[in-house]
Amino acid sequence: MGKIIFYEDRNFQGRSYECSSDCSDMSTYLSRCHSCRVESGCFVVYDRPNYMGNQFFMRRGEYADGMRMGMSDGIRSCRMVPQYRGPYRMRIYERENFGGQMYELTDDCDSFMDHYRMSDCQSCHVMDGHWLMYEQPHYRGRMIYFRPGEYRNFRDMGYSNIIFYEDRNFHGRNYETSGDCPEVTSYLSRCSSCRVESGCFMVYERSNFTGHQMLVRRGEYPDNQQIMGASISDCIRSCKMIPMHKGTFRMRIFERENFVGQKYELMDDCESVQERFHMPDCQSCNVTHGHWLLYEQPNFEGRMIYIRPGEYSSFNNMGLGPVKICSIRRIMESC
């Protein structure tokens, strides 16, 4: 049986939590987790609850800093990898939902392209054994852990990835990230195009997630001016990854700043705050579940603001100047 000990702070400091099996939400036991020690067995740790997001495979040893494993926000969940001595067998498919070319594996494969002339693998069926899939040939890059079962779409695992380029049309130096980045220009002198390989992101015209913002889904954006609008800067300076959310949505909206005035609770989209609640404006909110977009005009038009679970006492400190919220929409899993 495996055994892992998680610690709140780096270098095995702070409160600790000991685990010998799967744990879907580390925050149930610790306020944060930035280091761990594997005393026996193997584990896969994740940077989001419910076994989603970036993953890292751990053997027996000490891991003093989660940042070195790509866990910038700490470890949020873990899975124990059982010891297995039997045969290994899985089928890989070129496209989602078991479409396209199919090949069966019974041993390691260091390159799908070299061995099968298959440019990508987007779904699989694991019959026997436990496997790791890697983003790059020769077992490099980000990884995904698979137990026996059917996996129709790897994007359902909460993987997100965006690549920023200095020049338009994906030219110049590039910077790749799968999480939040408060200052893209720490890595690039400018950012004039981007490509979202998976997931959803919010991109901002200013550092530290302020200023004009825009939701970008999977796709190519060869000219940031088409995203951000011709009237403002065409350079992206920060971004936030939007986690996939499949649960309930709930938020309270308030007429004025600091949670005063009329108050209403939302659990679905609202095309017009004025028509639905007879409330002329929304100036603060408390998001308890889900991820939302607030729009400046009715019917989900105009400038937008992305909000995660938390309290927002004023929207005027987000770098947009005075803003009036007239419609609200949930960010659904279809991202």
C-alpha atoms as a PDB file:
ATOM      1  CA  MET A   1       0.000   0.000   0.000  1.00  0.00           C
ATOM      2  CA  GLY A   2       1.239   3.493  -0.840  1.00  0.00           C
ATOM      3  CA  LYS A   3       1.676   6.328   1.626  1.00  0.00           C
ATOM      4  CA  ILE A   4       2.093  10.053   0.941  1.00  0.00           C
ATOM      5  CA  ILE A   5       2.299  13.020   3.327  1.00  0.00           C
ATOM      6  CA  PHE A   6       1.247  16.486   2.149  1.00  0.00           C
ATOM      7  CA  TYR A   7       2.435  19.712   3.772  1.00  0.00           C
ATOM      8  CA  GLU A   8       0.914  23.179   3.636  1.00  0.00           C
ATOM      9  CA  ASP A   9       4.191  24.980   2.951  1.00  0.00           C
ATOM     10  CA  ARG A  10       7.375  24.357   0.986  1.00  0.00           C
ATOM     11  CA  ASN A  11      10.176  22.276   2.491  1.00  0.00           C
ATOM     12  CA  PHE A  12       7.741  20.134   4.504  1.00  0.00           C
ATOM     13  CA  GLN A  13       6.629  22.966   6.765  1.00  0.00           C
ATOM     14  CA  GLY A  14       3.205  23.762   8.202  1.00  0.00           C
ATOM     15  CA  ARG A  15       0.352  21.390   8.911  1.00  0.00           C
ATOM     16  CA  SER A  16       0.414  17.984   7.241  1.00  0.00           C
ATOM     17  CA  TYR A  17      -2.048  15.390   5.943  1.00  0.00           C
ATOM     18  CA  GLU A  18      -1.242  11.699   5.461  1.00  0.00           C
ATOM     19  CA  CYS A  19      -2.961   9.702   2.727  1.00  0.00           C
ATOM     20  CA  SER A  20      -2.852   6.096   1.464  1.00  0.00           C
ATOM     21  CA  SER A  21      -5.497   6.292  -1.282  1.00  0.00           C
ATOM     22  CA  ASP A  22      -7.237   8.721  -3.613  1.00  0.00           C
ATOM     23  CA  CYS A  23      -8.112  12.213  -2.352  1.00  0.00           C
ATOM     24  CA  SER A  24     -10.445  14.307  -4.525  1.00  0.00           C
ATOM     25  CA  ASP A  25     -10.008  17.605  -2.678  1.00  0.00           C
ATOM     26  CA  MET A  26      -6.947  18.368  -0.574  1.00  0.00           C
ATOM     27  CA  SER A  27      -8.490  21.581   0.767  1.00  0.00           C
ATOM     28  CA  THR A  28     -10.779  19.435   2.917  1.00  0.00           C
ATOM     29  CA  TYR A  29      -7.715  18.748   5.079  1.00  0.00           C
ATOM     30  CA  LEU A  30      -5.244  21.569   4.340  1.00  0.00           C
ATOM     31  CA  SER A  31      -5.704  25.217   3.389  1.00  0.00           C
ATOM     32  CA  ARG A  32      -2.945  24.761   0.782  1.00  0.00           C
ATOM     33  CA  CYS A  33      -0.339  22.183  -0.229  1.00  0.00           C
ATOM     34  CA  HIS A  34       3.123  23.112  -1.533  1.00  0.00           C
ATOM     35  CA  SER A  35       5.312  20.099  -0.683  1.00  0.00           C
ATOM     36  CA  CYS A  36       4.969  16.370  -0.093  1.00  0.00           C
ATOM     37  CA  ARG A  37       6.865  13.241   0.822  1.00  0.00           C
ATOM     38  CA  VAL A  38       6.105   9.816  -0.738  1.00  0.00           C
ATOM     39  CA  GLU A  39       7.072   7.191   1.806  1.00  0.00           C
ATOM     40  CA  SER A  40       5.965   4.182  -0.251  1.00  0.00           C
ATOM     41  CA  GLY A  41       4.215   3.377  -3.511  1.00  0.00           C
ATOM     42  CA  CYS A  42       3.403   5.711  -6.416  1.00  0.00           C
ATOM     43  CA  PHE A  43       0.945   8.593  -6.724  1.00  0.00           C
ATOM     44  CA  VAL A  44      -0.286  11.065  -9.327  1.00  0.00           C
ATOM     45  CA  VAL A  45      -0.940  14.579  -8.004  1.00  0.00           C
ATOM     46  CA  TYR A  46      -3.135  17.218  -9.677  1.00  0.00           C
ATOM     47  CA  ASP A  47      -3.282  21.009  -9.486  1.00  0.00           C
ATOM     48  CA  ARG A  48      -7.097  21.028  -9.388  1.00  0.00           C
ATOM     49  CA  PRO A  49      -9.708  19.164  -7.342  1.00  0.00           C
ATOM     50  CA  ASN A  50     -11.376  16.010  -8.661  1.00  0.00           C
ATOM     51  CA  TYR A  51      -8.251  14.753 -10.464  1.00  0.00           C
ATOM     52  CA  MET A  52      -8.174  17.486 -13.084  1.00  0.00           C
ATOM     53  CA  GLY A  53      -5.626  19.863 -14.523  1.00  0.00           C
ATOM     54  CA  ASN A  54      -1.865  19.429 -14.655  1.00  0.00           C
ATOM     55  CA  GLN A  55      -0.619  16.090 -13.325  1.00  0.00           C
ATOM     56  CA  PHE A  56       2.679  14.836 -11.976  1.00  0.00           C
ATOM     57  CA  PHE A  57       3.750  11.234 -11.329  1.00  0.00           C
ATOM     58  CA  MET A  58       5.546  10.627  -8.030  1.00  0.00           C
ATOM     59  CA  ARG A  59       7.630   7.741  -6.789  1.00  0.00           C
ATOM     60  CA  ARG A  60       9.129   7.272  -3.340  1.00  0.00           C
ATOM     61  CA  GLY A  61      11.047  10.415  -2.420  1.00  0.00           C
ATOM     62  CA  GLU A  62      10.827  13.997  -1.199  1.00  0.00           C
ATOM     63  CA  TYR A  63       9.289  16.861  -3.177  1.00  0.00           C
ATOM     64  CA  ALA A  64      10.125  20.096  -1.382  1.00  0.00           C
ATOM     65  CA  ASP A  65       8.517  22.592  -3.784  1.00  0.00           C
ATOM     66  CA  GLY A  66       5.347  22.056  -5.809  1.00  0.00           C
ATOM     67  CA  MET A  67       6.399  24.803  -8.244  1.00  0.00           C
ATOM     68  CA  ARG A  68       9.141  22.537  -9.589  1.00  0.00           C
ATOM     69  CA  MET A  69       6.473  20.002 -10.553  1.00  0.00           C
ATOM     70  CA  GLY A  70       4.411  22.599 -12.414  1.00  0.00           C
ATOM     71  CA  MET A  71       1.946  22.983  -9.535  1.00  0.00           C
ATOM     72  CA  SER A  72       1.989  26.789  -9.343  1.00  0.00           C
ATOM     73  CA  ASP A  73      -1.179  26.911  -7.245  1.00  0.00           C
ATOM     74  CA  GLY A  74      -0.322  23.877  -5.153  1.00  0.00           C
ATOM     75  CA  ILE A  75      -1.535  20.281  -5.110  1.00  0.00           C
ATOM     76  CA  ARG A  76      -5.331  19.998  -5.012  1.00  0.00           C
ATOM     77  CA  SER A  77      -6.009  16.252  -5.424  1.00  0.00           C
ATOM     78  CA  CYS A  78      -4.160  12.936  -5.756  1.00  0.00           C
ATOM     79  CA  ARG A  79      -4.580   9.351  -6.911  1.00  0.00           C
ATOM     80  CA  MET A  80      -2.749   6.330  -5.611  1.00  0.00           C
ATOM     81  CA  VAL A  81      -1.342   4.199  -8.461  1.00  0.00           C
ATOM     82  CA  PRO A  82      -1.858   0.515  -7.554  1.00  0.00           C
ATOM     83  CA  GLN A  83       0.971  -1.949  -7.997  1.00  0.00           C
ATOM     84  CA  TYR A  84       0.257  -3.990 -11.138  1.00  0.00           C
ATOM     85  CA  ARG A  85       2.029  -7.119 -12.434  1.00  0.00           C
ATOM     86  CA  GLY A  86      -0.261  -8.410 -15.200  1.00  0.00           C
ATOM     87  CA  PRO A  87      -0.434  -7.778 -18.966  1.00  0.00           C
ATOM     88  CA  TYR A  88      -0.837  -4.294 -20.452  1.00  0.00           C
ATOM     89  CA  ARG A  89      -3.290  -3.511 -23.238  1.00  0.00           C
ATOM     90  CA  MET A  90      -4.962  -0.371 -24.561  1.00  0.00           C
ATOM     91  CA  ARG A  91      -6.444   0.951 -27.816  1.00  0.00           C
ATOM     92  CA  ILE A  92      -5.596   4.475 -28.953  1.00  0.00           C
ATOM     93  CA  TYR A  93      -7.699   6.523 -31.386  1.00  0.00           C
ATOM     94  CA  GLU A  94      -6.778   9.432 -33.587  1.00  0.00           C
ATOM     95  CA  ARG A  95      -9.890  11.475 -32.801  1.00  0.00           C
ATOM     96  CA  GLU A  96     -12.359  12.008 -29.995  1.00  0.00           C
ATOM     97  CA  ASN A  97     -15.127   9.465 -29.310  1.00  0.00           C
ATOM     98  CA  PHE A  98     -13.000   6.605 -30.656  1.00  0.00           C
ATOM     99  CA  GLY A  99     -12.890   7.984 -34.187  1.00  0.00           C
ATOM    100  CA  GLY A 100     -10.179   7.875 -36.838  1.00  0.00           C
ATOM    101  CA  GLN A 101      -7.241   5.478 -36.935  1.00  0.00           C
ATOM    102  CA  MET A 102      -7.041   2.893 -34.160  1.00  0.00           C
ATOM    103  CA  TYR A 103      -4.057   0.915 -32.878  1.00  0.00           C
ATOM    104  CA  GLU A 104      -3.593  -1.487 -29.999  1.00  0.00           C
ATOM    105  CA  LEU A 105      -0.699  -1.129 -27.572  1.00  0.00           C
ATOM    106  CA  THR A 106       0.747  -3.767 -25.273  1.00  0.00           C
ATOM    107  CA  ASP A 107       4.031  -2.006 -24.474  1.00  0.00           C
ATOM    108  CA  ASP A 108       5.603   1.462 -24.417  1.00  0.00           C
ATOM    109  CA  CYS A 109       5.517   3.772 -27.444  1.00  0.00           C
ATOM    110  CA  ASP A 110       8.000   6.650 -27.617  1.00  0.00           C
ATOM    111  CA  SER A 111       6.371   8.296 -30.666  1.00  0.00           C
ATOM    112  CA  PHE A 112       2.912   7.800 -32.198  1.00  0.00           C
ATOM    113  CA  MET A 113       4.051   9.500 -35.373  1.00  0.00           C
ATOM    114  CA  ASP A 114       7.134   7.330 -35.879  1.00  0.00           C
ATOM    115  CA  HIS A 115       5.463   4.022 -35.030  1.00  0.00           C
ATOM    116  CA  TYR A 116       1.945   4.489 -36.420  1.00  0.00           C
ATOM    117  CA  ARG A 117       2.076   7.609 -38.633  1.00  0.00           C
ATOM    118  CA  MET A 118      -0.657   8.990 -36.375  1.00  0.00           C
ATOM    119  CA  SER A 119      -0.332  12.738 -35.764  1.00  0.00           C
ATOM    120  CA  ASP A 120      -2.425  12.797 -32.594  1.00  0.00           C
ATOM    121  CA  CYS A 121      -4.319  10.684 -30.079  1.00  0.00           C
ATOM    122  CA  GLN A 122      -7.573  12.134 -28.704  1.00  0.00           C
ATOM    123  CA  SER A 123      -9.313   9.136 -27.091  1.00  0.00           C
ATOM    124  CA  CYS A 124      -8.429   5.681 -25.783  1.00  0.00           C
ATOM    125  CA  HIS A 125      -9.739   2.499 -24.200  1.00  0.00           C
ATOM    126  CA  VAL A 126      -7.551   0.998 -21.477  1.00  0.00           C
ATOM    127  CA  MET A 127      -8.275  -2.695 -20.961  1.00  0.00           C
ATOM    128  CA  ASP A 128      -5.356  -3.753 -18.776  1.00  0.00           C
ATOM    129  CA  GLY A 129      -2.746  -1.969 -16.680  1.00  0.00           C
ATOM    130  CA  HIS A 130      -2.027   1.635 -15.728  1.00  0.00           C
ATOM    131  CA  TRP A 131      -0.512   4.048 -18.254  1.00  0.00           C
ATOM    132  CA  LEU A 132       0.960   7.519 -18.657  1.00  0.00           C
ATOM    133  CA  MET A 133       0.463   9.533 -21.841  1.00  0.00           C
ATOM    134  CA  TYR A 134       2.828  12.395 -22.640  1.00  0.00           C
ATOM    135  CA  GLU A 135       2.349  15.544 -24.663  1.00  0.00           C
ATOM    136  CA  GLN A 136       5.655  15.177 -26.514  1.00  0.00           C
ATOM    137  CA  PRO A 137       7.623  12.261 -27.995  1.00  0.00           C
ATOM    138  CA  HIS A 138      10.087  10.310 -25.841  1.00  0.00           C
ATOM    139  CA  TYR A 139       8.011  10.698 -22.676  1.00  0.00           C
ATOM    140  CA  ARG A 140       8.401  14.449 -22.296  1.00  0.00           C
ATOM    141  CA  GLY A 141       6.063  17.321 -21.516  1.00  0.00           C
ATOM    142  CA  ARG A 142       2.827  17.219 -19.577  1.00  0.00           C
ATOM    143  CA  MET A 143       1.351  13.833 -18.728  1.00  0.00           C
ATOM    144  CA  ILE A 144      -2.033  12.171 -18.199  1.00  0.00           C
ATOM    145  CA  TYR A 145      -2.562   9.124 -15.978  1.00  0.00           C
ATOM    146  CA  PHE A 146      -4.996   6.420 -17.154  1.00  0.00           C
ATOM    147  CA  ARG A 147      -6.602   3.570 -15.252  1.00  0.00           C
ATOM    148  CA  PRO A 148      -8.617   0.839 -17.005  1.00  0.00           C
ATOM    149  CA  GLY A 149     -11.659   2.432 -18.630  1.00  0.00           C
ATOM    150  CA  GLU A 150     -12.921   4.350 -21.663  1.00  0.00           C
ATOM    151  CA  TYR A 151     -11.726   7.907 -22.284  1.00  0.00           C
ATOM    152  CA  ARG A 152     -13.696   9.593 -25.056  1.00  0.00           C
ATOM    153  CA  ASN A 153     -12.165  13.043 -24.798  1.00  0.00           C
ATOM    154  CA  PHE A 154      -8.948  14.065 -23.042  1.00  0.00           C
ATOM    155  CA  ARG A 155     -10.198  17.664 -22.768  1.00  0.00           C
ATOM    156  CA  ASP A 156     -12.713  16.457 -20.169  1.00  0.00           C
ATOM    157  CA  MET A 157      -9.753  16.010 -17.826  1.00  0.00           C
ATOM    158  CA  GLY A 158      -9.433  19.735 -17.403  1.00  0.00           C
ATOM    159  CA  TYR A 159      -6.278  20.135 -19.458  1.00  0.00           C
ATOM    160  CA  SER A 160      -5.814  23.657 -20.747  1.00  0.00           C
ATOM    161  CA  ASN A 161      -3.034  25.104 -22.865  1.00  0.00           C
ATOM    162  CA  ILE A 162      -2.407  28.418 -24.628  1.00  0.00           C
ATOM    163  CA  ILE A 163       0.616  29.589 -26.646  1.00  0.00           C
ATOM    164  CA  PHE A 164       1.426  33.293 -27.002  1.00  0.00           C
ATOM    165  CA  TYR A 165       3.547  34.646 -29.879  1.00  0.00           C
ATOM    166  CA  GLU A 166       5.405  37.940 -30.122  1.00  0.00           C
ATOM    167  CA  ASP A 167       4.246  38.704 -33.670  1.00  0.00           C
ATOM    168  CA  ARG A 168       1.064  38.283 -35.678  1.00  0.00           C
ATOM    169  CA  ASN A 169       0.316  35.013 -37.478  1.00  0.00           C
ATOM    170  CA  PHE A 170       2.152  32.946 -34.835  1.00  0.00           C
ATOM    171  CA  HIS A 171       5.612  34.284 -35.628  1.00  0.00           C
ATOM    172  CA  GLY A 172       8.450  35.264 -33.342  1.00  0.00           C
ATOM    173  CA  ARG A 173       9.321  33.861 -29.954  1.00  0.00           C
ATOM    174  CA  ASN A 174       6.563  32.072 -28.059  1.00  0.00           C
ATOM    175  CA  TYR A 175       5.531  31.316 -24.481  1.00  0.00           C
ATOM    176  CA  GLU A 176       3.296  28.402 -23.477  1.00  0.00           C
ATOM    177  CA  THR A 177       1.210  28.187 -20.298  1.00  0.00           C
ATOM    178  CA  SER A 178      -1.553  26.019 -18.843  1.00  0.00           C
ATOM    179  CA  GLY A 179      -2.464  28.302 -15.933  1.00  0.00           C
ATOM    180  CA  ASP A 180      -2.733  31.930 -14.891  1.00  0.00           C
ATOM    181  CA  CYS A 181      -0.021  34.362 -15.955  1.00  0.00           C
ATOM    182  CA  PRO A 182      -0.062  37.851 -14.391  1.00  0.00           C
ATOM    183  CA  GLU A 183       2.621  39.224 -16.720  1.00  0.00           C
ATOM    184  CA  VAL A 184       3.115  37.723 -20.189  1.00  0.00           C
ATOM    185  CA  THR A 185       5.769  40.325 -20.984  1.00  0.00           C
ATOM    186  CA  SER A 186       7.991  38.691 -18.359  1.00  0.00           C
ATOM    187  CA  TYR A 187       8.553  36.050 -21.056  1.00  0.00           C
ATOM    188  CA  LEU A 188       7.963  37.955 -24.321  1.00  0.00           C
ATOM    189  CA  SER A 189       8.687  41.533 -25.337  1.00  0.00           C
ATOM    190  CA  ARG A 190       5.152  41.733 -26.732  1.00  0.00           C
ATOM    191  CA  CYS A 191       2.273  39.391 -27.595  1.00  0.00           C
ATOM    192  CA  SER A 192       0.433  39.891 -30.879  1.00  0.00           C
ATOM    193  CA  SER A 193      -1.122  36.460 -31.585  1.00  0.00           C
ATOM    194  CA  CYS A 194      -2.066  33.314 -29.691  1.00  0.00           C
ATOM    195  CA  ARG A 195      -3.245  29.755 -30.142  1.00  0.00           C
ATOM    196  CA  VAL A 196      -5.516  27.973 -27.632  1.00  0.00           C
ATOM    197  CA  GLU A 197      -4.805  24.253 -27.908  1.00  0.00           C
ATOM    198  CA  SER A 198      -7.288  23.197 -25.237  1.00  0.00           C
ATOM    199  CA  GLY A 199      -9.579  24.702 -22.651  1.00  0.00           C
ATOM    200  CA  CYS A 200     -10.708  28.306 -22.188  1.00  0.00           C
ATOM    201  CA  PHE A 201      -8.752  31.367 -21.146  1.00  0.00           C
ATOM    202  CA  MET A 202      -9.440  34.991 -20.329  1.00  0.00           C
ATOM    203  CA  VAL A 203      -6.863  37.328 -21.853  1.00  0.00           C
ATOM    204  CA  TYR A 204      -6.254  40.885 -20.625  1.00  0.00           C
ATOM    205  CA  GLU A 205      -4.726  43.989 -22.187  1.00  0.00           C
ATOM    206  CA  ARG A 206      -2.919  44.884 -18.949  1.00  0.00           C
ATOM    207  CA  SER A 207      -0.820  43.108 -16.374  1.00  0.00           C
ATOM    208  CA  ASN A 208      -2.309  41.476 -13.266  1.00  0.00           C
ATOM    209  CA  PHE A 209      -5.625  40.622 -14.937  1.00  0.00           C
ATOM    210  CA  THR A 210      -6.854  44.190 -15.423  1.00  0.00           C
ATOM    211  CA  GLY A 211      -8.142  46.242 -18.318  1.00  0.00           C
ATOM    212  CA  HIS A 212     -10.092  45.097 -21.338  1.00  0.00           C
ATOM    213  CA  GLN A 213     -10.599  41.324 -21.311  1.00  0.00           C
ATOM    214  CA  MET A 214     -11.796  38.687 -23.760  1.00  0.00           C
ATOM    215  CA  LEU A 215     -12.724  35.002 -23.588  1.00  0.00           C
ATOM    216  CA  VAL A 216     -10.750  32.786 -25.974  1.00  0.00           C
ATOM    217  CA  ARG A 217     -11.722  29.169 -26.644  1.00  0.00           C
ATOM    218  CA  ARG A 218      -9.864  26.441 -28.514  1.00  0.00           C
ATOM    219  CA  GLY A 219      -8.688  27.889 -31.805  1.00  0.00           C
ATOM    220  CA  GLU A 220      -6.193  30.159 -33.530  1.00  0.00           C
ATOM    221  CA  TYR A 221      -6.039  33.933 -33.109  1.00  0.00           C
ATOM    222  CA  PRO A 222      -3.496  35.273 -35.643  1.00  0.00           C
ATOM    223  CA  ASP A 223      -4.064  38.946 -34.766  1.00  0.00           C
ATOM    224  CA  ASN A 224      -4.808  40.004 -31.206  1.00  0.00           C
ATOM    225  CA  GLN A 225      -6.384  43.218 -32.447  1.00  0.00           C
ATOM    226  CA  GLN A 226      -9.274  41.088 -33.696  1.00  0.00           C
ATOM    227  CA  ILE A 227      -9.706  39.729 -30.168  1.00  0.00           C
ATOM    228  CA  MET A 228      -9.153  42.821 -28.062  1.00  0.00           C
ATOM    229  CA  GLY A 229     -10.683  45.410 -30.381  1.00  0.00           C
ATOM    230  CA  ALA A 230      -9.068  47.893 -32.733  1.00  0.00           C
ATOM    231  CA  SER A 231      -9.590  50.826 -30.371  1.00  0.00           C
ATOM    232  CA  ILE A 232      -7.182  49.551 -27.698  1.00  0.00           C
ATOM    233  CA  SER A 233      -3.777  47.950 -27.377  1.00  0.00           C
ATOM    234  CA  ASP A 234      -3.250  44.835 -29.486  1.00  0.00           C
ATOM    235  CA  CYS A 235      -0.898  43.304 -26.917  1.00  0.00           C
ATOM    236  CA  ILE A 236      -2.022  40.678 -24.410  1.00  0.00           C
ATOM    237  CA  ARG A 237      -0.256  41.179 -21.083  1.00  0.00           C
ATOM    238  CA  SER A 238      -1.902  38.659 -18.738  1.00  0.00           C
ATOM    239  CA  CYS A 239      -4.243  35.677 -18.811  1.00  0.00           C
ATOM    240  CA  LYS A 240      -6.369  33.496 -16.560  1.00  0.00           C
ATOM    241  CA  MET A 241      -7.169  29.845 -17.174  1.00  0.00           C
ATOM    242  CA  ILE A 242     -10.894  29.104 -16.786  1.00  0.00           C
ATOM    243  CA  PRO A 243     -11.391  25.719 -15.097  1.00  0.00           C
ATOM    244  CA  MET A 244     -14.050  23.371 -16.410  1.00  0.00           C
ATOM    245  CA  HIS A 245     -17.060  23.436 -14.073  1.00  0.00           C
ATOM    246  CA  LYS A 246     -19.778  20.779 -14.202  1.00  0.00           C
ATOM    247  CA  GLY A 247     -21.605  21.480 -10.954  1.00  0.00           C
ATOM    248  CA  THR A 248     -24.217  24.017  -9.913  1.00  0.00           C
ATOM    249  CA  PHE A 249     -23.946  27.754 -10.534  1.00  0.00           C
ATOM    250  CA  ARG A 250     -24.848  30.293  -7.867  1.00  0.00           C
ATOM    251  CA  MET A 251     -24.108  33.952  -7.278  1.00  0.00           C
ATOM    252  CA  ARG A 252     -25.674  36.937  -5.492  1.00  0.00           C
ATOM    253  CA  ILE A 253     -25.776  40.282  -7.244  1.00  0.00           C
ATOM    254  CA  PHE A 254     -26.106  43.636  -5.478  1.00  0.00           C
ATOM    255  CA  GLU A 255     -27.345  46.944  -6.802  1.00  0.00           C
ATOM    256  CA  ARG A 256     -24.510  49.011  -5.356  1.00  0.00           C
ATOM    257  CA  GLU A 257     -20.890  48.584  -4.314  1.00  0.00           C
ATOM    258  CA  ASN A 258     -19.927  46.825  -1.080  1.00  0.00           C
ATOM    259  CA  PHE A 259     -22.922  44.468  -1.218  1.00  0.00           C
ATOM    260  CA  VAL A 260     -25.648  47.016  -0.502  1.00  0.00           C
ATOM    261  CA  GLY A 261     -28.924  47.901  -2.175  1.00  0.00           C
ATOM    262  CA  GLN A 262     -31.238  45.394  -3.831  1.00  0.00           C
ATOM    263  CA  LYS A 263     -29.988  41.794  -3.759  1.00  0.00           C
ATOM    264  CA  TYR A 264     -30.916  38.823  -5.956  1.00  0.00           C
ATOM    265  CA  GLU A 265     -29.607  35.281  -6.405  1.00  0.00           C
ATOM    266  CA  LEU A 266     -28.761  33.831  -9.801  1.00  0.00           C
ATOM    267  CA  MET A 267     -28.385  30.176 -10.795  1.00  0.00           C
ATOM    268  CA  ASP A 268     -28.686  30.591 -14.583  1.00  0.00           C
ATOM    269  CA  ASP A 269     -28.062  33.109 -17.340  1.00  0.00           C
ATOM    270  CA  CYS A 270     -29.663  36.549 -17.210  1.00  0.00           C
ATOM    271  CA  GLU A 271     -30.131  38.435 -20.498  1.00  0.00           C
ATOM    272  CA  SER A 272     -31.167  41.661 -18.782  1.00  0.00           C
ATOM    273  CA  VAL A 273     -30.720  42.570 -15.123  1.00  0.00           C
ATOM    274  CA  GLN A 274     -33.121  45.485 -15.641  1.00  0.00           C
ATOM    275  CA  GLU A 275     -35.988  43.438 -17.124  1.00  0.00           C
ATOM    276  CA  ARG A 276     -35.640  40.404 -14.856  1.00  0.00           C
ATOM    277  CA  PHE A 277     -35.109  42.096 -11.504  1.00  0.00           C
ATOM    278  CA  HIS A 278     -36.099  45.728 -12.191  1.00  0.00           C
ATOM    279  CA  MET A 279     -32.633  46.595 -10.952  1.00  0.00           C
ATOM    280  CA  PRO A 280     -30.978  49.407 -12.956  1.00  0.00           C
ATOM    281  CA  ASP A 281     -27.414  48.305 -12.260  1.00  0.00           C
ATOM    282  CA  CYS A 282     -25.224  45.682 -10.569  1.00  0.00           C
ATOM    283  CA  GLN A 283     -22.102  46.997  -8.856  1.00  0.00           C
ATOM    284  CA  SER A 284     -20.976  44.123  -6.601  1.00  0.00           C
ATOM    285  CA  CYS A 285     -21.478  40.367  -6.279  1.00  0.00           C
ATOM    286  CA  ASN A 286     -20.640  37.220  -4.329  1.00  0.00           C
ATOM    287  CA  VAL A 287     -19.944  34.139  -6.452  1.00  0.00           C
ATOM    288  CA  THR A 288     -20.292  30.884  -4.515  1.00  0.00           C
ATOM    289  CA  HIS A 289     -20.390  28.337  -7.378  1.00  0.00           C
ATOM    290  CA  GLY A 290     -19.205  28.319 -10.972  1.00  0.00           C
ATOM    291  CA  HIS A 291     -17.488  30.756 -13.304  1.00  0.00           C
ATOM    292  CA  TRP A 292     -19.364  33.668 -14.894  1.00  0.00           C
ATOM    293  CA  LEU A 293     -19.113  36.497 -17.417  1.00  0.00           C
ATOM    294  CA  LEU A 294     -20.623  39.910 -16.672  1.00  0.00           C
ATOM    295  CA  TYR A 295     -21.523  42.094 -19.669  1.00  0.00           C
ATOM    296  CA  GLU A 296     -21.842  45.850 -19.973  1.00  0.00           C
ATOM    297  CA  GLN A 297     -24.928  45.636 -22.196  1.00  0.00           C
ATOM    298  CA  PRO A 298     -28.069  43.459 -22.257  1.00  0.00           C
ATOM    299  CA  ASN A 299     -28.126  40.202 -24.251  1.00  0.00           C
ATOM    300  CA  PHE A 300     -24.466  39.421 -23.465  1.00  0.00           C
ATOM    301  CA  GLU A 301     -22.969  42.244 -25.485  1.00  0.00           C
ATOM    302  CA  GLY A 302     -20.331  44.891 -24.867  1.00  0.00           C
ATOM    303  CA  ARG A 303     -17.289  44.703 -22.627  1.00  0.00           C
ATOM    304  CA  MET A 304     -17.105  41.724 -20.283  1.00  0.00           C
ATOM    305  CA  ILE A 305     -15.703  40.821 -16.862  1.00  0.00           C
ATOM    306  CA  TYR A 306     -14.723  37.287 -15.842  1.00  0.00           C
ATOM    307  CA  ILE A 307     -15.395  36.334 -12.229  1.00  0.00           C
ATOM    308  CA  ARG A 308     -14.431  33.224 -10.270  1.00  0.00           C
ATOM    309  CA  PRO A 309     -15.878  32.142  -6.899  1.00  0.00           C
ATOM    310  CA  GLY A 310     -15.225  34.949  -4.443  1.00  0.00           C
ATOM    311  CA  GLU A 311     -16.459  38.333  -3.245  1.00  0.00           C
ATOM    312  CA  TYR A 312     -16.328  41.367  -5.539  1.00  0.00           C
ATOM    313  CA  SER A 313     -17.126  44.539  -3.595  1.00  0.00           C
ATOM    314  CA  SER A 314     -16.642  46.786  -6.654  1.00  0.00           C
ATOM    315  CA  PHE A 315     -16.165  46.300 -10.395  1.00  0.00           C
ATOM    316  CA  ASN A 316     -14.481  49.683 -10.777  1.00  0.00           C
ATOM    317  CA  ASN A 317     -11.089  48.404  -9.576  1.00  0.00           C
ATOM    318  CA  MET A 318     -10.628  46.032 -12.524  1.00  0.00           C
ATOM    319  CA  GLY A 319      -8.989  48.561 -14.795  1.00  0.00           C
ATOM    320  CA  LEU A 320     -12.036  49.174 -16.991  1.00  0.00           C
ATOM    321  CA  GLY A 321     -13.091  52.476 -15.459  1.00  0.00           C
ATOM    322  CA  PRO A 322     -16.765  52.992 -14.601  1.00  0.00           C
ATOM    323  CA  VAL A 323     -18.734  49.981 -15.790  1.00  0.00           C
ATOM    324  CA  LYS A 324     -22.417  49.097 -15.683  1.00  0.00           C
ATOM    325  CA  ILE A 325     -23.438  45.423 -15.593  1.00  0.00           C
ATOM    326  CA  CYS A 326     -26.579  44.679 -17.620  1.00  0.00           C
ATOM    327  CA  SER A 327     -26.419  40.913 -18.374  1.00  0.00           C
ATOM    328  CA  ILE A 328     -24.762  37.842 -16.877  1.00  0.00           C
ATOM    329  CA  ARG A 329     -23.849  34.450 -18.377  1.00  0.00           C
ATOM    330  CA  ARG A 330     -22.437  31.197 -17.013  1.00  0.00           C
ATOM    331  CA  ILE A 331     -19.245  29.777 -18.541  1.00  0.00           C
ATOM    332  CA  MET A 332     -20.394  26.267 -19.341  1.00  0.00           C
ATOM    333  CA  GLU A 333     -18.348  23.102 -19.892  1.00  0.00           C
ATOM    334  CA  SER A 334     -18.753  23.514 -23.658  1.00  0.00           C
ATOM    335  CA  CYS A 335     -15.637  25.720 -23.500  1.00  0.00           C
END
